[in-house]
N, C-alpha and C. Protein backbone atom coordinates (compact mmCIF):
# COMPACT_ATOMS: atom_id res chain seq x y z
N MET A 1 -7.93 42.02 -71.33
CA MET A 1 -8.56 40.74 -71.17
C MET A 1 -10.04 40.94 -71.01
N ALA A 2 -10.72 40.27 -71.82
CA ALA A 2 -12.17 40.42 -71.78
C ALA A 2 -12.79 39.11 -71.32
N PHE A 3 -13.61 39.19 -70.34
CA PHE A 3 -14.34 38.03 -69.83
C PHE A 3 -15.81 38.23 -70.12
N ALA A 4 -16.42 37.13 -70.42
CA ALA A 4 -17.86 37.22 -70.65
C ALA A 4 -18.55 37.26 -69.30
N SER A 5 -19.44 38.14 -69.15
CA SER A 5 -20.16 38.24 -67.88
C SER A 5 -21.62 37.95 -68.12
N ASN A 6 -22.20 37.37 -67.15
CA ASN A 6 -23.62 37.07 -67.22
C ASN A 6 -24.35 38.17 -66.49
N SER A 7 -24.58 39.23 -67.16
CA SER A 7 -25.19 40.38 -66.51
C SER A 7 -26.68 40.38 -66.69
N GLY A 8 -27.21 39.27 -67.14
CA GLY A 8 -28.65 39.19 -67.33
C GLY A 8 -29.40 39.13 -66.02
N GLY A 9 -28.70 38.81 -64.94
CA GLY A 9 -29.32 38.78 -63.64
C GLY A 9 -30.01 37.47 -63.32
N GLY A 10 -30.15 36.56 -64.26
CA GLY A 10 -30.83 35.30 -64.02
C GLY A 10 -29.85 34.20 -63.65
N PRO A 11 -30.34 33.06 -63.28
CA PRO A 11 -29.45 31.94 -62.93
C PRO A 11 -28.71 31.43 -64.16
N MET A 12 -27.46 30.97 -63.90
CA MET A 12 -26.64 30.49 -64.99
C MET A 12 -27.11 29.12 -65.48
N ALA A 13 -27.45 28.25 -64.56
CA ALA A 13 -27.88 26.91 -64.94
C ALA A 13 -28.89 26.41 -63.93
N ASP A 14 -29.78 25.58 -64.39
CA ASP A 14 -30.75 24.99 -63.48
C ASP A 14 -30.17 23.69 -62.92
N ILE A 15 -30.42 23.42 -61.63
CA ILE A 15 -29.99 22.19 -61.01
C ILE A 15 -31.03 21.13 -61.31
N ASN A 16 -30.57 19.99 -61.79
CA ASN A 16 -31.46 18.88 -62.09
C ASN A 16 -31.70 18.11 -60.79
N VAL A 17 -32.89 18.18 -60.25
CA VAL A 17 -33.20 17.56 -58.97
C VAL A 17 -33.78 16.15 -59.13
N THR A 18 -33.98 15.70 -60.33
CA THR A 18 -34.57 14.37 -60.55
C THR A 18 -33.70 13.27 -59.95
N PRO A 19 -32.36 13.23 -60.17
CA PRO A 19 -31.57 12.18 -59.52
C PRO A 19 -31.61 12.27 -58.00
N LEU A 20 -31.66 13.48 -57.46
CA LEU A 20 -31.74 13.65 -56.01
C LEU A 20 -33.04 13.06 -55.47
N VAL A 21 -34.13 13.31 -56.13
CA VAL A 21 -35.42 12.77 -55.71
C VAL A 21 -35.42 11.25 -55.84
N ASP A 22 -34.82 10.71 -56.89
CA ASP A 22 -34.73 9.25 -57.04
C ASP A 22 -33.97 8.61 -55.88
N VAL A 23 -32.83 9.20 -55.52
CA VAL A 23 -32.02 8.65 -54.43
C VAL A 23 -32.79 8.73 -53.12
N MET A 24 -33.47 9.83 -52.88
CA MET A 24 -34.24 9.98 -51.64
C MET A 24 -35.37 8.96 -51.55
N LEU A 25 -36.04 8.72 -52.66
CA LEU A 25 -37.12 7.73 -52.66
C LEU A 25 -36.58 6.32 -52.41
N VAL A 26 -35.44 5.99 -52.99
CA VAL A 26 -34.84 4.68 -52.75
C VAL A 26 -34.47 4.53 -51.28
N LEU A 27 -33.86 5.56 -50.69
CA LEU A 27 -33.51 5.50 -49.27
C LEU A 27 -34.76 5.38 -48.40
N LEU A 28 -35.82 6.08 -48.76
CA LEU A 28 -37.06 5.99 -48.00
C LEU A 28 -37.62 4.57 -48.05
N ILE A 29 -37.59 3.95 -49.20
CA ILE A 29 -38.08 2.58 -49.33
C ILE A 29 -37.22 1.61 -48.53
N ILE A 30 -35.90 1.80 -48.57
CA ILE A 30 -35.00 0.92 -47.80
C ILE A 30 -35.30 1.04 -46.31
N PHE A 31 -35.47 2.25 -45.80
CA PHE A 31 -35.77 2.42 -44.38
C PHE A 31 -37.15 1.86 -44.03
N MET A 32 -38.11 1.99 -44.92
CA MET A 32 -39.44 1.45 -44.64
C MET A 32 -39.43 -0.07 -44.59
N VAL A 33 -38.55 -0.69 -45.37
CA VAL A 33 -38.48 -2.15 -45.38
C VAL A 33 -37.71 -2.68 -44.19
N THR A 34 -36.65 -2.02 -43.78
CA THR A 34 -35.78 -2.55 -42.72
C THR A 34 -36.22 -2.19 -41.31
N VAL A 35 -36.92 -1.13 -41.10
CA VAL A 35 -37.28 -0.71 -39.74
C VAL A 35 -38.33 -1.61 -39.10
N PRO A 36 -39.41 -2.04 -39.76
CA PRO A 36 -40.40 -2.88 -39.04
C PRO A 36 -39.83 -4.15 -38.43
N PRO A 37 -38.95 -4.92 -39.10
CA PRO A 37 -38.42 -6.11 -38.41
C PRO A 37 -37.57 -5.77 -37.19
N LEU A 38 -36.98 -4.61 -37.16
CA LEU A 38 -36.16 -4.24 -36.01
C LEU A 38 -37.00 -3.84 -34.81
N SER A 39 -38.24 -3.52 -35.01
CA SER A 39 -39.06 -3.06 -33.90
C SER A 39 -39.66 -4.21 -33.10
N TYR A 40 -39.63 -5.44 -33.62
CA TYR A 40 -40.17 -6.59 -32.91
C TYR A 40 -39.05 -7.27 -32.11
N PRO A 41 -39.32 -7.64 -30.86
CA PRO A 41 -38.27 -8.32 -30.08
C PRO A 41 -38.04 -9.74 -30.60
N ILE A 42 -36.79 -10.16 -30.53
CA ILE A 42 -36.41 -11.49 -30.95
C ILE A 42 -35.99 -12.26 -29.71
N GLN A 43 -36.58 -13.44 -29.52
CA GLN A 43 -36.25 -14.26 -28.36
C GLN A 43 -34.99 -15.08 -28.67
N VAL A 44 -33.97 -14.91 -27.84
CA VAL A 44 -32.72 -15.64 -28.00
C VAL A 44 -32.44 -16.38 -26.69
N ASP A 45 -32.24 -17.67 -26.79
CA ASP A 45 -31.92 -18.47 -25.61
C ASP A 45 -30.41 -18.49 -25.42
N LEU A 46 -29.95 -17.75 -24.43
CA LEU A 46 -28.52 -17.68 -24.14
C LEU A 46 -28.18 -18.67 -23.02
N PRO A 47 -27.02 -19.27 -23.06
CA PRO A 47 -26.64 -20.18 -21.96
C PRO A 47 -26.38 -19.39 -20.69
N GLN A 48 -26.71 -20.01 -19.58
CA GLN A 48 -26.50 -19.37 -18.29
C GLN A 48 -25.05 -19.56 -17.85
N PRO A 49 -24.43 -18.54 -17.28
CA PRO A 49 -23.04 -18.70 -16.83
C PRO A 49 -22.99 -19.63 -15.62
N SER A 50 -21.96 -20.42 -15.58
CA SER A 50 -21.82 -21.35 -14.45
C SER A 50 -21.30 -20.59 -13.23
N THR A 51 -21.79 -21.00 -12.09
CA THR A 51 -21.35 -20.34 -10.86
C THR A 51 -20.07 -20.94 -10.32
N MET A 52 -19.76 -22.14 -10.78
CA MET A 52 -18.54 -22.81 -10.34
C MET A 52 -17.40 -22.52 -11.31
N PRO A 53 -16.27 -22.06 -10.80
CA PRO A 53 -15.14 -21.87 -11.71
C PRO A 53 -14.59 -23.22 -12.14
N PRO A 54 -13.96 -23.27 -13.31
CA PRO A 54 -13.41 -24.55 -13.74
C PRO A 54 -12.31 -25.00 -12.78
N PRO A 55 -12.20 -26.30 -12.58
CA PRO A 55 -11.17 -26.77 -11.64
C PRO A 55 -9.78 -26.47 -12.20
N PRO A 56 -8.92 -25.96 -11.35
CA PRO A 56 -7.56 -25.67 -11.84
C PRO A 56 -6.81 -26.97 -12.11
N GLY A 57 -6.22 -27.04 -13.26
CA GLY A 57 -5.44 -28.23 -13.61
C GLY A 57 -4.03 -28.12 -13.05
N MET A 58 -3.46 -29.23 -12.79
CA MET A 58 -2.08 -29.24 -12.32
C MET A 58 -1.17 -28.94 -13.50
N PRO A 59 -0.30 -27.96 -13.36
CA PRO A 59 0.60 -27.68 -14.47
C PRO A 59 1.59 -28.83 -14.65
N PRO A 60 1.95 -29.10 -15.89
CA PRO A 60 2.92 -30.18 -16.10
C PRO A 60 4.27 -29.82 -15.48
N PRO A 61 5.04 -30.82 -15.10
CA PRO A 61 6.35 -30.52 -14.50
C PRO A 61 7.26 -29.82 -15.50
N PRO A 62 8.15 -28.95 -15.01
CA PRO A 62 9.04 -28.25 -15.93
C PRO A 62 10.04 -29.20 -16.58
N ILE A 63 10.51 -28.80 -17.74
CA ILE A 63 11.50 -29.58 -18.48
C ILE A 63 12.83 -28.86 -18.37
N ARG A 64 13.83 -29.56 -17.93
CA ARG A 64 15.16 -28.98 -17.74
C ARG A 64 16.01 -29.27 -18.97
N ILE A 65 16.41 -28.22 -19.67
CA ILE A 65 17.30 -28.34 -20.83
C ILE A 65 18.67 -27.84 -20.38
N ARG A 66 19.69 -28.65 -20.59
CA ARG A 66 21.05 -28.26 -20.20
C ARG A 66 21.93 -28.25 -21.43
N ILE A 67 22.70 -27.17 -21.56
CA ILE A 67 23.66 -27.03 -22.66
C ILE A 67 25.05 -26.98 -22.02
N ASP A 68 25.90 -27.95 -22.39
CA ASP A 68 27.24 -27.98 -21.79
C ASP A 68 28.24 -27.27 -22.69
N ALA A 69 29.47 -27.16 -22.20
CA ALA A 69 30.51 -26.41 -22.91
C ALA A 69 30.88 -27.06 -24.24
N ALA A 70 30.70 -28.36 -24.37
CA ALA A 70 31.04 -29.06 -25.61
C ALA A 70 29.95 -28.91 -26.66
N GLY A 71 28.82 -28.28 -26.32
CA GLY A 71 27.74 -28.10 -27.27
C GLY A 71 26.68 -29.18 -27.18
N GLY A 72 26.78 -30.05 -26.19
CA GLY A 72 25.79 -31.11 -26.01
C GLY A 72 24.55 -30.57 -25.32
N VAL A 73 23.40 -31.13 -25.70
CA VAL A 73 22.13 -30.72 -25.12
C VAL A 73 21.51 -31.93 -24.43
N SER A 74 20.99 -31.71 -23.24
CA SER A 74 20.32 -32.81 -22.53
C SER A 74 18.91 -32.38 -22.14
N TRP A 75 17.99 -33.35 -22.19
CA TRP A 75 16.58 -33.15 -21.85
C TRP A 75 16.34 -33.89 -20.54
N ASN A 76 16.13 -33.17 -19.47
CA ASN A 76 15.95 -33.74 -18.13
C ASN A 76 17.05 -34.74 -17.78
N GLY A 77 18.27 -34.41 -18.14
CA GLY A 77 19.42 -35.22 -17.78
C GLY A 77 19.85 -36.23 -18.80
N SER A 78 19.06 -36.51 -19.83
CA SER A 78 19.48 -37.48 -20.85
C SER A 78 19.83 -36.73 -22.15
N PRO A 79 20.98 -37.04 -22.73
CA PRO A 79 21.42 -36.33 -23.93
C PRO A 79 20.46 -36.57 -25.11
N VAL A 80 20.26 -35.50 -25.87
CA VAL A 80 19.39 -35.57 -27.05
C VAL A 80 20.06 -34.88 -28.23
N ASP A 81 19.69 -35.32 -29.42
CA ASP A 81 20.13 -34.70 -30.67
C ASP A 81 19.20 -33.51 -30.95
N MET A 82 19.64 -32.57 -31.78
CA MET A 82 18.83 -31.39 -32.06
C MET A 82 17.53 -31.75 -32.79
N ARG A 83 17.56 -32.77 -33.66
CA ARG A 83 16.33 -33.18 -34.35
C ARG A 83 15.33 -33.76 -33.36
N ILE A 84 15.83 -34.56 -32.43
CA ILE A 84 14.96 -35.14 -31.41
C ILE A 84 14.43 -34.05 -30.49
N LEU A 85 15.28 -33.08 -30.19
CA LEU A 85 14.86 -31.95 -29.34
C LEU A 85 13.69 -31.22 -30.00
N GLN A 86 13.78 -30.99 -31.32
CA GLN A 86 12.70 -30.30 -32.02
C GLN A 86 11.40 -31.10 -31.95
N SER A 87 11.50 -32.42 -32.15
CA SER A 87 10.28 -33.22 -32.11
C SER A 87 9.69 -33.26 -30.70
N GLN A 88 10.53 -33.30 -29.68
CA GLN A 88 10.02 -33.27 -28.30
C GLN A 88 9.40 -31.91 -27.98
N PHE A 89 10.02 -30.83 -28.47
CA PHE A 89 9.43 -29.50 -28.29
C PHE A 89 8.07 -29.43 -28.99
N ASP A 90 7.96 -30.03 -30.17
CA ASP A 90 6.68 -30.00 -30.90
C ASP A 90 5.59 -30.72 -30.11
N VAL A 91 5.94 -31.84 -29.51
CA VAL A 91 4.96 -32.59 -28.71
C VAL A 91 4.51 -31.76 -27.51
N GLU A 92 5.47 -31.15 -26.83
CA GLU A 92 5.11 -30.35 -25.65
C GLU A 92 4.37 -29.08 -26.04
N GLY A 93 4.72 -28.49 -27.17
CA GLY A 93 4.03 -27.29 -27.63
C GLY A 93 2.60 -27.58 -28.06
N ALA A 94 2.35 -28.79 -28.57
CA ALA A 94 1.00 -29.16 -29.01
C ALA A 94 0.05 -29.32 -27.83
N ARG A 95 0.56 -29.48 -26.63
CA ARG A 95 -0.31 -29.59 -25.45
C ARG A 95 -1.13 -28.32 -25.26
N GLY A 96 -0.57 -27.18 -25.64
CA GLY A 96 -1.26 -25.92 -25.40
C GLY A 96 -2.15 -25.46 -26.53
N ASP A 97 -2.25 -26.23 -27.61
CA ASP A 97 -3.10 -25.84 -28.73
C ASP A 97 -4.57 -25.93 -28.33
N THR A 98 -5.34 -24.94 -28.76
CA THR A 98 -6.78 -24.93 -28.49
C THR A 98 -7.53 -25.02 -29.82
N PRO A 99 -8.79 -25.40 -29.78
CA PRO A 99 -9.56 -25.47 -31.03
C PRO A 99 -9.68 -24.12 -31.74
N ALA A 100 -9.58 -23.04 -30.98
CA ALA A 100 -9.70 -21.71 -31.58
C ALA A 100 -8.42 -21.28 -32.28
N GLY A 101 -7.37 -22.09 -32.17
CA GLY A 101 -6.11 -21.74 -32.82
C GLY A 101 -5.19 -20.90 -31.95
N THR A 102 -5.55 -20.70 -30.70
CA THR A 102 -4.70 -19.95 -29.79
C THR A 102 -3.87 -20.92 -28.95
N ILE A 103 -3.03 -20.37 -28.11
CA ILE A 103 -2.16 -21.18 -27.27
C ILE A 103 -2.56 -21.00 -25.81
N ASP A 104 -2.81 -22.11 -25.12
CA ASP A 104 -3.11 -22.09 -23.69
C ASP A 104 -1.82 -22.44 -22.95
N ALA A 105 -1.15 -21.41 -22.44
CA ALA A 105 0.15 -21.60 -21.82
C ALA A 105 0.07 -22.39 -20.52
N THR A 106 -1.11 -22.50 -19.91
CA THR A 106 -1.21 -23.23 -18.65
C THR A 106 -1.09 -24.73 -18.85
N LYS A 107 -1.30 -25.21 -20.07
CA LYS A 107 -1.19 -26.64 -20.35
C LYS A 107 0.20 -27.03 -20.82
N GLN A 108 1.03 -26.05 -21.09
CA GLN A 108 2.39 -26.34 -21.54
C GLN A 108 3.34 -26.38 -20.35
N PRO A 109 4.35 -27.22 -20.42
CA PRO A 109 5.33 -27.22 -19.34
C PRO A 109 6.28 -26.02 -19.50
N ALA A 110 6.84 -25.61 -18.38
CA ALA A 110 7.85 -24.56 -18.43
C ALA A 110 9.17 -25.19 -18.89
N ILE A 111 9.88 -24.48 -19.72
CA ILE A 111 11.19 -24.93 -20.18
C ILE A 111 12.22 -24.17 -19.36
N GLU A 112 13.04 -24.90 -18.63
CA GLU A 112 14.11 -24.28 -17.82
C GLU A 112 15.44 -24.59 -18.50
N ILE A 113 16.08 -23.55 -18.98
CA ILE A 113 17.33 -23.71 -19.71
C ILE A 113 18.49 -23.30 -18.81
N GLU A 114 19.44 -24.21 -18.66
CA GLU A 114 20.66 -23.87 -17.95
C GLU A 114 21.83 -24.15 -18.87
N THR A 115 22.78 -23.25 -18.87
CA THR A 115 23.94 -23.39 -19.76
C THR A 115 25.22 -23.34 -18.94
N ASP A 116 26.19 -24.03 -19.46
CA ASP A 116 27.52 -23.96 -18.87
C ASP A 116 28.09 -22.58 -19.19
N ARG A 117 28.97 -22.09 -18.34
CA ARG A 117 29.55 -20.77 -18.59
C ARG A 117 30.35 -20.72 -19.89
N ASP A 118 30.90 -21.84 -20.31
CA ASP A 118 31.72 -21.87 -21.52
C ASP A 118 30.93 -22.31 -22.75
N ALA A 119 29.63 -22.49 -22.62
CA ALA A 119 28.82 -22.92 -23.77
C ALA A 119 28.72 -21.77 -24.77
N GLU A 120 28.65 -22.13 -26.05
CA GLU A 120 28.56 -21.12 -27.09
C GLU A 120 27.12 -20.62 -27.20
N TYR A 121 27.03 -19.33 -27.48
CA TYR A 121 25.71 -18.72 -27.59
C TYR A 121 24.93 -19.28 -28.78
N GLU A 122 25.63 -19.70 -29.81
CA GLU A 122 24.97 -20.25 -31.00
C GLU A 122 24.10 -21.45 -30.64
N MET A 123 24.58 -22.29 -29.74
CA MET A 123 23.81 -23.47 -29.34
C MET A 123 22.56 -23.04 -28.56
N LEU A 124 22.71 -22.05 -27.68
CA LEU A 124 21.55 -21.52 -26.96
C LEU A 124 20.54 -20.92 -27.93
N ALA A 125 21.03 -20.20 -28.94
CA ALA A 125 20.13 -19.60 -29.93
C ALA A 125 19.37 -20.68 -30.71
N LYS A 126 20.03 -21.80 -31.02
CA LYS A 126 19.36 -22.90 -31.72
C LYS A 126 18.26 -23.50 -30.85
N VAL A 127 18.55 -23.70 -29.57
CA VAL A 127 17.55 -24.28 -28.66
C VAL A 127 16.36 -23.32 -28.53
N LEU A 128 16.64 -22.03 -28.37
CA LEU A 128 15.56 -21.05 -28.23
C LEU A 128 14.72 -20.97 -29.50
N SER A 129 15.35 -21.04 -30.66
CA SER A 129 14.59 -20.96 -31.90
C SER A 129 13.72 -22.20 -32.08
N ARG A 130 14.20 -23.35 -31.66
CA ARG A 130 13.38 -24.56 -31.77
C ARG A 130 12.19 -24.49 -30.80
N ALA A 131 12.41 -23.94 -29.63
CA ALA A 131 11.31 -23.77 -28.67
C ALA A 131 10.27 -22.79 -29.22
N LYS A 132 10.74 -21.73 -29.85
CA LYS A 132 9.81 -20.75 -30.44
C LYS A 132 9.04 -21.37 -31.59
N ASN A 133 9.69 -22.17 -32.43
CA ASN A 133 9.03 -22.81 -33.55
C ASN A 133 7.95 -23.79 -33.08
N ALA A 134 8.11 -24.34 -31.89
CA ALA A 134 7.13 -25.28 -31.33
C ALA A 134 6.03 -24.55 -30.55
N ASN A 135 6.02 -23.21 -30.58
CA ASN A 135 5.03 -22.38 -29.89
C ASN A 135 5.06 -22.56 -28.37
N LEU A 136 6.24 -22.83 -27.83
CA LEU A 136 6.37 -22.89 -26.38
C LEU A 136 6.44 -21.47 -25.84
N VAL A 137 5.71 -21.22 -24.77
CA VAL A 137 5.57 -19.86 -24.28
C VAL A 137 6.41 -19.60 -23.03
N LYS A 138 6.43 -20.55 -22.11
CA LYS A 138 7.11 -20.34 -20.82
C LYS A 138 8.54 -20.87 -20.91
N ILE A 139 9.48 -19.97 -21.11
CA ILE A 139 10.89 -20.34 -21.19
C ILE A 139 11.62 -19.57 -20.10
N ASN A 140 12.31 -20.31 -19.22
CA ASN A 140 13.03 -19.71 -18.10
C ASN A 140 14.50 -20.05 -18.21
N PHE A 141 15.32 -19.17 -17.68
CA PHE A 141 16.76 -19.42 -17.61
C PHE A 141 17.12 -19.69 -16.16
N VAL A 142 17.93 -20.72 -15.95
CA VAL A 142 18.30 -21.15 -14.61
C VAL A 142 19.78 -20.84 -14.41
N ASP A 143 20.08 -20.25 -13.25
CA ASP A 143 21.47 -19.95 -12.91
C ASP A 143 22.04 -21.15 -12.16
N MET A 144 23.08 -21.75 -12.72
CA MET A 144 23.67 -22.94 -12.09
C MET A 144 24.37 -22.59 -10.79
N ALA A 145 24.85 -21.35 -10.64
CA ALA A 145 25.56 -20.97 -9.42
C ALA A 145 24.61 -20.91 -8.22
N ALA A 146 23.32 -20.72 -8.47
CA ALA A 146 22.36 -20.62 -7.37
C ALA A 146 22.04 -21.99 -6.78
N GLN A 147 22.43 -23.07 -7.44
CA GLN A 147 22.09 -24.41 -6.95
C GLN A 147 23.16 -24.94 -6.03
């Protein structure tokens, strides 16, 4: 196997430095243009923080949802249909909406769910999914035996 060797002792190829110099000059110009405005202070009027904390709002009363063994659902003691339950959950969930698109859980009522021992889990799952779809955050389970 024969390989060609460069035994002339000189460099194989010259590096073209013209593009390198062009890039460096462009970067130098960019820095020269952007640095002077950064060296001058800019006056910004920021609002002063208030020393008084916002008044605490009274949380809304909790909503008691009861699921009986026959599959019936009641809202604070009055029977409701699942479609009506969803619309009521939507109204209560909208209380916590903020302009920023987040949820303020302090403005939403707590949902207290109590179920009969013989109630089917499917009905509980439907109620929980409707509460989740309405962006309700505070959901509690109540033990009927403790009352």
